[in-house]
């Protein structure tokens, strides 16, 4: 769910997004690193608008990415 929503929002290179999503579901660590590098700033900026205080934003973002890895969705 989170993965599909984020990839839809980013809507950059569709084939790269599809490949990343597939590799993440297969627990590919390099894919996760690439996904994190590509989308962590977007997630962080979005959360800054929603979550207060700012220190909590980092925790929420980290938990979201960890859930993504654990659940593979």
C-alpha atoms as a PDB file:
ATOM      1  CA  UNK A   1       0.000   0.000   0.000  1.00  0.00           C
ATOM      2  CA  UNK A   2       2.615   2.541   1.103  1.00  0.00           C
ATOM      3  CA  UNK A   3       4.904   1.468  -1.698  1.00  0.00           C
ATOM      4  CA  UNK A   4       2.275   1.786  -4.417  1.00  0.00           C
ATOM      5  CA  UNK A   5       1.097   5.149  -3.093  1.00  0.00           C
ATOM      6  CA  UNK A   6       4.590   6.595  -2.948  1.00  0.00           C
ATOM      7  CA  UNK A   7       5.540   5.310  -6.374  1.00  0.00           C
ATOM      8  CA  UNK A   8       2.331   6.767  -7.806  1.00  0.00           C
ATOM      9  CA  UNK A   9       3.012  10.163  -6.225  1.00  0.00           C
ATOM     10  CA  UNK A  10       6.599  10.227  -7.477  1.00  0.00           C
ATOM     11  CA  UNK A  11       5.456   9.239 -10.980  1.00  0.00           C
ATOM     12  CA  UNK A  12       8.940   9.594 -12.415  1.00  0.00           C
ATOM     13  CA  UNK A  13      10.424   6.795 -14.436  1.00  0.00           C
ATOM     14  CA  UNK A  14       7.572   4.278 -14.439  1.00  0.00           C
ATOM     15  CA  UNK A  15       9.729   1.302 -15.436  1.00  0.00           C
ATOM     16  CA  UNK A  16      12.277   2.087 -12.704  1.00  0.00           C
ATOM     17  CA  UNK A  17       9.486   2.420 -10.136  1.00  0.00           C
ATOM     18  CA  UNK A  18       7.999  -0.926 -11.181  1.00  0.00           C
ATOM     19  CA  UNK A  19      11.404  -2.594 -11.003  1.00  0.00           C
ATOM     20  CA  UNK A  20      12.104  -1.128  -7.567  1.00  0.00           C
ATOM     21  CA  UNK A  21       8.710  -2.256  -6.287  1.00  0.00           C
ATOM     22  CA  UNK A  22       9.271  -5.790  -7.550  1.00  0.00           C
ATOM     23  CA  UNK A  23      12.778  -5.966  -6.083  1.00  0.00           C
ATOM     24  CA  UNK A  24      11.585  -4.582  -2.744  1.00  0.00           C
ATOM     25  CA  UNK A  25       8.978  -7.333  -2.533  1.00  0.00           C
ATOM     26  CA  UNK A  26      11.835  -9.811  -3.032  1.00  0.00           C
ATOM     27  CA  UNK A  27      13.754  -8.236  -0.100  1.00  0.00           C
ATOM     28  CA  UNK A  28      16.558  -6.885  -2.296  1.00  0.00           C
ATOM     29  CA  UNK A  29      18.724  -4.746   0.003  1.00  0.00           C
ATOM     30  CA  UNK A  30      20.196  -2.689  -2.847  1.00  0.00           C
ATOM     31  CA  UNK A  31      16.686  -1.901  -4.080  1.00  0.00           C
ATOM     32  CA  UNK A  32      15.738  -0.731  -0.599  1.00  0.00           C
ATOM     33  CA  UNK A  33      18.816   1.497  -0.435  1.00  0.00           C
ATOM     34  CA  UNK A  34      18.016   2.975  -3.830  1.00  0.00           C
ATOM     35  CA  UNK A  35      14.356   3.445  -2.887  1.00  0.00           C
ATOM     36  CA  UNK A  36      15.348   5.164   0.350  1.00  0.00           C
ATOM     37  CA  UNK A  37      17.847   7.438  -1.408  1.00  0.00           C
ATOM     38  CA  UNK A  38      15.287   8.324  -4.051  1.00  0.00           C
ATOM     39  CA  UNK A  39      12.222   8.930  -1.857  1.00  0.00           C
ATOM     40  CA  UNK A  40      13.301   9.700   1.712  1.00  0.00           C
ATOM     41  CA  UNK A  41      13.450  13.466   1.124  1.00  0.00           C
ATOM     42  CA  UNK A  42       9.982  13.471  -0.417  1.00  0.00           C
ATOM     43  CA  UNK A  43       8.581  11.523   2.534  1.00  0.00           C
ATOM     44  CA  UNK A  44      10.391  13.736   5.039  1.00  0.00           C
ATOM     45  CA  UNK A  45       9.092  16.985   3.491  1.00  0.00           C
ATOM     46  CA  UNK A  46       5.554  15.643   3.366  1.00  0.00           C
ATOM     47  CA  UNK A  47       5.712  14.554   6.998  1.00  0.00           C
ATOM     48  CA  UNK A  48       7.068  17.952   8.048  1.00  0.00           C
ATOM     49  CA  UNK A  49       3.745  19.418   6.947  1.00  0.00           C
ATOM     50  CA  UNK A  50       1.732  16.844   8.877  1.00  0.00           C
ATOM     51  CA  UNK A  51       3.681  15.848  12.002  1.00  0.00           C
ATOM     52  CA  UNK A  52       4.921  18.070  14.809  1.00  0.00           C
ATOM     53  CA  UNK A  53       7.461  18.420  16.377  1.00  0.00           C
ATOM     54  CA  UNK A  54      10.144  18.069  13.696  1.00  0.00           C
ATOM     55  CA  UNK A  55      12.078  15.482  15.755  1.00  0.00           C
ATOM     56  CA  UNK A  56       9.080  13.185  15.517  1.00  0.00           C
ATOM     57  CA  UNK A  57       9.149  13.436  11.717  1.00  0.00           C
ATOM     58  CA  UNK A  58      12.431  11.537  11.522  1.00  0.00           C
ATOM     59  CA  UNK A  59      11.040   8.785  13.730  1.00  0.00           C
ATOM     60  CA  UNK A  60       7.816   8.500  11.713  1.00  0.00           C
ATOM     61  CA  UNK A  61       9.736   8.421   8.418  1.00  0.00           C
ATOM     62  CA  UNK A  62      12.158   5.782   9.722  1.00  0.00           C
ATOM     63  CA  UNK A  63       9.298   3.643  11.020  1.00  0.00           C
ATOM     64  CA  UNK A  64       7.510   3.896   7.672  1.00  0.00           C
ATOM     65  CA  UNK A  65      10.560   2.746   5.724  1.00  0.00           C
ATOM     66  CA  UNK A  66      11.201  -0.066   8.213  1.00  0.00           C
ATOM     67  CA  UNK A  67       7.590  -1.224   7.862  1.00  0.00           C
ATOM     68  CA  UNK A  68       7.954  -1.138   4.101  1.00  0.00           C
ATOM     69  CA  UNK A  69      10.989  -3.389   4.347  1.00  0.00           C
ATOM     70  CA  UNK A  70       9.372  -5.749   6.858  1.00  0.00           C
ATOM     71  CA  UNK A  71       6.084  -6.104   5.003  1.00  0.00           C
ATOM     72  CA  UNK A  72       7.370  -5.809   1.458  1.00  0.00           C
ATOM     73  CA  UNK A  73       4.347  -3.841   0.215  1.00  0.00           C
END
